[in-house]
Each structure stands twice: as structure tokens, then as C-alpha cells.
Amino acid sequence: MRDRQNDILCLNEANNKGGSGAIRHEQFNVYYSGVDQSQRRWRSVGFILSERMSECVNRHECVNPSLLFLRVNTELMRIFILGAYVLDTRGTEEGIEARKLWADVQDTVVKRDKNVEIVILDNFNGCIVLRRE
């Protein structure tokens, strides 16, 4: 992050069991989701923020273990940053869980303040199907 002067990185398939939260590590802040002990832990997501970006975080919330958002207020604009991890579940029983996650993404985006910019950082692992007319 230092060498490339990045202010934010999104983590997918994070390996975290336990609740969501935030920690400080050196000059970076880490916001993360977590799963309970009975779930597969690679579904977690997180963000690593530079010190200057961390100062702008207004709020963070873990919607579910695979969906985390930050509200950031900079001098120039307000930003809604959404981190998501969606498994490729075509043809599996987990398809129901993936559809629920997509509904959570939609609900989260719809409920945000309307005068903010949206940034979605993801690993959707999805399949796009084009329908021919």
C-alpha cells in the first residue's frame, strides 16, 4: 500500500472466525467481518485503510459475513464503500444463500444516503448470462 500510495484495499476470502470489528496495525486500520465457528471462514471480507483514509471513516457496518460497508467523508465528497464476496453457487444448495446475499447488496445500496458516491469492491465469482432475443 505504501509503495503504490493506495488508501484502501478490499480483502476477500478473509480467514476470520469470530465477530466483525476494527483493529489498528502499524499505520493501517483493518475493518473486517467474521463468521461464527460453525461456518466456513473464507467467506469473510475486510478493508485495509491508510491512516489518512481511516481518519475519514464515519461509520462501518457488517451486514453479514460476506458484506461489509464503510461510510467515508472526505473534503471533496462522501463515499459509500461496499465490500462483498459472493460464491459461485450455480447448481448447488448454496444458491439460496447467494440469492439472499444479492438481496442484501441491493437493500444496502438502496438504503444509503442518496447524495454519496458508491464504490463496490468485490469478488462476485458470478456468471453473466446473455439472453438472445
C-alpha atoms as a PDB file:
ATOM      1  CA  MET A   1       0.000   0.000   0.000  1.00  0.00           C
ATOM      2  CA  ARG A   2       2.808   2.398   0.839  1.00  0.00           C
ATOM      3  CA  ASP A   3       4.741   1.827  -2.382  1.00  0.00           C
ATOM      4  CA  ARG A   4       1.684   2.261  -4.606  1.00  0.00           C
ATOM      5  CA  GLN A   5       0.183   5.005  -2.430  1.00  0.00           C
ATOM      6  CA  ASN A   6      -3.130   3.163  -2.093  1.00  0.00           C
ATOM      7  CA  ASP A   7      -5.542   4.350   0.558  1.00  0.00           C
ATOM      8  CA  ILE A   8      -7.811   1.308   0.587  1.00  0.00           C
ATOM      9  CA  LEU A   9      -7.618  -2.390  -0.175  1.00  0.00           C
ATOM     10  CA  CYS A  10     -10.512  -4.833  -0.106  1.00  0.00           C
ATOM     11  CA  LEU A  11      -9.929  -8.315   1.291  1.00  0.00           C
ATOM     12  CA  ASN A  12     -11.968 -11.265   0.054  1.00  0.00           C
ATOM     13  CA  GLU A  13     -11.995 -14.803   1.371  1.00  0.00           C
ATOM     14  CA  ALA A  14     -10.551 -13.490   4.611  1.00  0.00           C
ATOM     15  CA  ASN A  15      -9.789 -16.178   7.129  1.00  0.00           C
ATOM     16  CA  ASN A  16     -11.592 -14.801  10.176  1.00  0.00           C
ATOM     17  CA  LYS A  17     -13.677 -16.707  12.686  1.00  0.00           C
ATOM     18  CA  GLY A  18     -15.438 -14.628  15.273  1.00  0.00           C
ATOM     19  CA  GLY A  19     -17.304 -11.342  15.131  1.00  0.00           C
ATOM     20  CA  SER A  20     -16.728  -8.321  12.955  1.00  0.00           C
ATOM     21  CA  GLY A  21     -14.701  -5.351  14.100  1.00  0.00           C
ATOM     22  CA  ALA A  22     -11.827  -2.975  13.504  1.00  0.00           C
ATOM     23  CA  ILE A  23      -8.198  -3.056  14.585  1.00  0.00           C
ATOM     24  CA  ARG A  24      -5.188  -0.836  14.108  1.00  0.00           C
ATOM     25  CA  HIS A  25      -1.965  -2.381  12.805  1.00  0.00           C
ATOM     26  CA  GLU A  26       1.023  -0.063  12.474  1.00  0.00           C
ATOM     27  CA  GLN A  27      -0.266   2.878  10.416  1.00  0.00           C
ATOM     28  CA  PHE A  28      -3.174   0.956   8.880  1.00  0.00           C
ATOM     29  CA  ASN A  29      -6.697   0.307  10.127  1.00  0.00           C
ATOM     30  CA  VAL A  30      -8.360  -3.003   9.309  1.00  0.00           C
ATOM     31  CA  TYR A  31     -12.151  -3.364   9.212  1.00  0.00           C
ATOM     32  CA  TYR A  32     -13.381  -6.929   8.891  1.00  0.00           C
ATOM     33  CA  SER A  33     -16.373  -9.243   9.004  1.00  0.00           C
ATOM     34  CA  GLY A  34     -16.354 -12.648  10.600  1.00  0.00           C
ATOM     35  CA  VAL A  35     -18.254 -15.895  10.632  1.00  0.00           C
ATOM     36  CA  ASP A  36     -19.263 -17.988  13.611  1.00  0.00           C
ATOM     37  CA  GLN A  37     -17.322 -21.130  14.444  1.00  0.00           C
ATOM     38  CA  SER A  38     -19.713 -23.428  12.544  1.00  0.00           C
ATOM     39  CA  GLN A  39     -19.332 -21.650   9.175  1.00  0.00           C
ATOM     40  CA  ARG A  40     -16.586 -21.842   6.596  1.00  0.00           C
ATOM     41  CA  ARG A  41     -14.327 -18.962   7.394  1.00  0.00           C
ATOM     42  CA  TRP A  42     -13.210 -17.982   3.906  1.00  0.00           C
ATOM     43  CA  ARG A  43     -16.466 -16.093   3.355  1.00  0.00           C
ATOM     44  CA  SER A  44     -15.301 -13.080   5.367  1.00  0.00           C
ATOM     45  CA  VAL A  45     -14.458  -9.726   3.802  1.00  0.00           C
ATOM     46  CA  GLY A  46     -12.499  -6.737   5.007  1.00  0.00           C
ATOM     47  CA  PHE A  47     -10.809  -3.442   4.217  1.00  0.00           C
ATOM     48  CA  ILE A  48      -7.314  -2.192   4.949  1.00  0.00           C
ATOM     49  CA  LEU A  49      -7.199   1.605   5.086  1.00  0.00           C
ATOM     50  CA  SER A  50      -4.320   4.033   5.170  1.00  0.00           C
ATOM     51  CA  GLU A  51      -4.054   6.329   8.143  1.00  0.00           C
ATOM     52  CA  ARG A  52      -5.335   9.332   6.195  1.00  0.00           C
ATOM     53  CA  MET A  53      -8.341   7.400   4.832  1.00  0.00           C
ATOM     54  CA  SER A  54      -9.080   5.963   8.290  1.00  0.00           C
ATOM     55  CA  GLU A  55      -9.474   9.488   9.635  1.00  0.00           C
ATOM     56  CA  CYS A  56     -12.351   9.991   7.174  1.00  0.00           C
ATOM     57  CA  VAL A  57     -14.367   6.882   8.154  1.00  0.00           C
ATOM     58  CA  ASN A  58     -17.719   7.981   9.511  1.00  0.00           C
ATOM     59  CA  ARG A  59     -19.232   4.521  10.034  1.00  0.00           C
ATOM     60  CA  HIS A  60     -18.637   0.867   9.290  1.00  0.00           C
ATOM     61  CA  GLU A  61     -21.127  -1.967   9.423  1.00  0.00           C
ATOM     62  CA  CYS A  62     -21.061  -5.687   8.827  1.00  0.00           C
ATOM     63  CA  VAL A  63     -24.358  -6.530   7.092  1.00  0.00           C
ATOM     64  CA  ASN A  64     -23.462 -10.231   7.079  1.00  0.00           C
ATOM     65  CA  PRO A  65     -20.159 -12.161   6.971  1.00  0.00           C
ATOM     66  CA  SER A  66     -19.829 -11.609   3.208  1.00  0.00           C
ATOM     67  CA  LEU A  67     -20.949  -7.968   3.080  1.00  0.00           C
ATOM     68  CA  LEU A  68     -19.278  -5.019   4.785  1.00  0.00           C
ATOM     69  CA  PHE A  69     -19.579  -1.293   4.171  1.00  0.00           C
ATOM     70  CA  LEU A  70     -17.837   1.920   5.140  1.00  0.00           C
ATOM     71  CA  ARG A  71     -19.141   5.472   5.052  1.00  0.00           C
ATOM     72  CA  VAL A  72     -16.317   7.877   4.331  1.00  0.00           C
ATOM     73  CA  ASN A  73     -16.447  11.677   4.383  1.00  0.00           C
ATOM     74  CA  THR A  74     -13.574  13.364   2.543  1.00  0.00           C
ATOM     75  CA  GLU A  75     -13.118  17.071   1.905  1.00  0.00           C
ATOM     76  CA  LEU A  76     -14.388  16.630  -1.654  1.00  0.00           C
ATOM     77  CA  MET A  77     -17.202  14.109  -1.315  1.00  0.00           C
ATOM     78  CA  ARG A  78     -18.991  11.484   0.728  1.00  0.00           C
ATOM     79  CA  ILE A  79     -18.307   7.910  -0.313  1.00  0.00           C
ATOM     80  CA  PHE A  80     -20.170   4.665   0.405  1.00  0.00           C
ATOM     81  CA  ILE A  81     -17.740   1.743   0.024  1.00  0.00           C
ATOM     82  CA  LEU A  82     -19.210  -1.743  -0.167  1.00  0.00           C
ATOM     83  CA  GLY A  83     -17.104  -4.900   0.065  1.00  0.00           C
ATOM     84  CA  ALA A  84     -18.747  -8.157  -0.987  1.00  0.00           C
ATOM     85  CA  TYR A  85     -17.792 -11.765  -1.560  1.00  0.00           C
ATOM     86  CA  VAL A  86     -20.248 -13.998  -3.399  1.00  0.00           C
ATOM     87  CA  LEU A  87     -19.527 -17.656  -4.016  1.00  0.00           C
ATOM     88  CA  ASP A  88     -20.199 -19.190  -7.425  1.00  0.00           C
ATOM     89  CA  THR A  89     -23.111 -21.357  -6.363  1.00  0.00           C
ATOM     90  CA  ARG A  90     -24.702 -22.304  -9.648  1.00  0.00           C
ATOM     91  CA  GLY A  91     -26.415 -25.642  -9.269  1.00  0.00           C
ATOM     92  CA  THR A  92     -25.728 -26.030  -5.551  1.00  0.00           C
ATOM     93  CA  GLU A  93     -27.742 -25.751  -2.375  1.00  0.00           C
ATOM     94  CA  GLU A  94     -25.766 -22.623  -1.539  1.00  0.00           C
ATOM     95  CA  GLY A  95     -27.585 -20.870  -4.378  1.00  0.00           C
ATOM     96  CA  ILE A  96     -30.276 -19.777  -1.919  1.00  0.00           C
ATOM     97  CA  GLU A  97     -27.614 -18.191   0.274  1.00  0.00           C
ATOM     98  CA  ALA A  98     -26.116 -16.386  -2.736  1.00  0.00           C
ATOM     99  CA  ARG A  99     -29.537 -15.006  -3.728  1.00  0.00           C
ATOM    100  CA  LYS A 100     -30.002 -13.748  -0.169  1.00  0.00           C
ATOM    101  CA  LEU A 101     -26.614 -12.030  -0.356  1.00  0.00           C
ATOM    102  CA  TRP A 102     -27.571 -10.343  -3.642  1.00  0.00           C
ATOM    103  CA  ALA A 103     -30.767  -9.129  -1.946  1.00  0.00           C
ATOM    104  CA  ASP A 104     -28.657  -7.787   0.952  1.00  0.00           C
ATOM    105  CA  VAL A 105     -26.396  -5.958  -1.536  1.00  0.00           C
ATOM    106  CA  GLN A 106     -29.426  -4.374  -3.193  1.00  0.00           C
ATOM    107  CA  ASP A 107     -31.029  -3.411   0.140  1.00  0.00           C
ATOM    108  CA  THR A 108     -27.774  -1.920   1.416  1.00  0.00           C
ATOM    109  CA  VAL A 109     -27.251   0.165  -1.718  1.00  0.00           C
ATOM    110  CA  VAL A 110     -30.878   1.357  -1.777  1.00  0.00           C
ATOM    111  CA  LYS A 111     -30.793   2.374   1.909  1.00  0.00           C
ATOM    112  CA  ARG A 112     -27.664   4.515   1.593  1.00  0.00           C
ATOM    113  CA  ASP A 113     -27.826   8.300   1.526  1.00  0.00           C
ATOM    114  CA  LYS A 114     -28.696   9.395  -1.996  1.00  0.00           C
ATOM    115  CA  ASN A 115     -26.073  12.140  -2.230  1.00  0.00           C
ATOM    116  CA  VAL A 116     -22.998   9.918  -1.848  1.00  0.00           C
ATOM    117  CA  GLU A 117     -20.757   8.251  -4.384  1.00  0.00           C
ATOM    118  CA  ILE A 118     -20.830   4.434  -4.402  1.00  0.00           C
ATOM    119  CA  VAL A 119     -17.733   2.262  -4.725  1.00  0.00           C
ATOM    120  CA  ILE A 120     -18.202  -1.506  -4.809  1.00  0.00           C
ATOM    121  CA  LEU A 121     -15.126  -3.651  -4.194  1.00  0.00           C
ATOM    122  CA  ASP A 122     -15.949  -7.270  -4.755  1.00  0.00           C
ATOM    123  CA  ASN A 123     -15.229 -10.789  -5.756  1.00  0.00           C
ATOM    124  CA  PHE A 124     -18.618 -11.776  -7.120  1.00  0.00           C
ATOM    125  CA  ASN A 125     -17.500 -15.080  -8.684  1.00  0.00           C
ATOM    126  CA  GLY A 126     -20.618 -14.756 -10.751  1.00  0.00           C
ATOM    127  CA  CYS A 127     -21.770 -15.885 -14.094  1.00  0.00           C
ATOM    128  CA  ILE A 128     -23.201 -13.424 -16.602  1.00  0.00           C
ATOM    129  CA  VAL A 129     -25.754 -14.924 -18.936  1.00  0.00           C
ATOM    130  CA  LEU A 130     -26.753 -13.087 -22.084  1.00  0.00           C
ATOM    131  CA  ARG A 131     -30.201 -13.842 -23.353  1.00  0.00           C
ATOM    132  CA  ARG A 132     -30.578 -13.801 -27.099  1.00  0.00           C
ATOM    133  CA  GLU A 133     -33.843 -12.439 -28.411  1.00  0.00           C
END
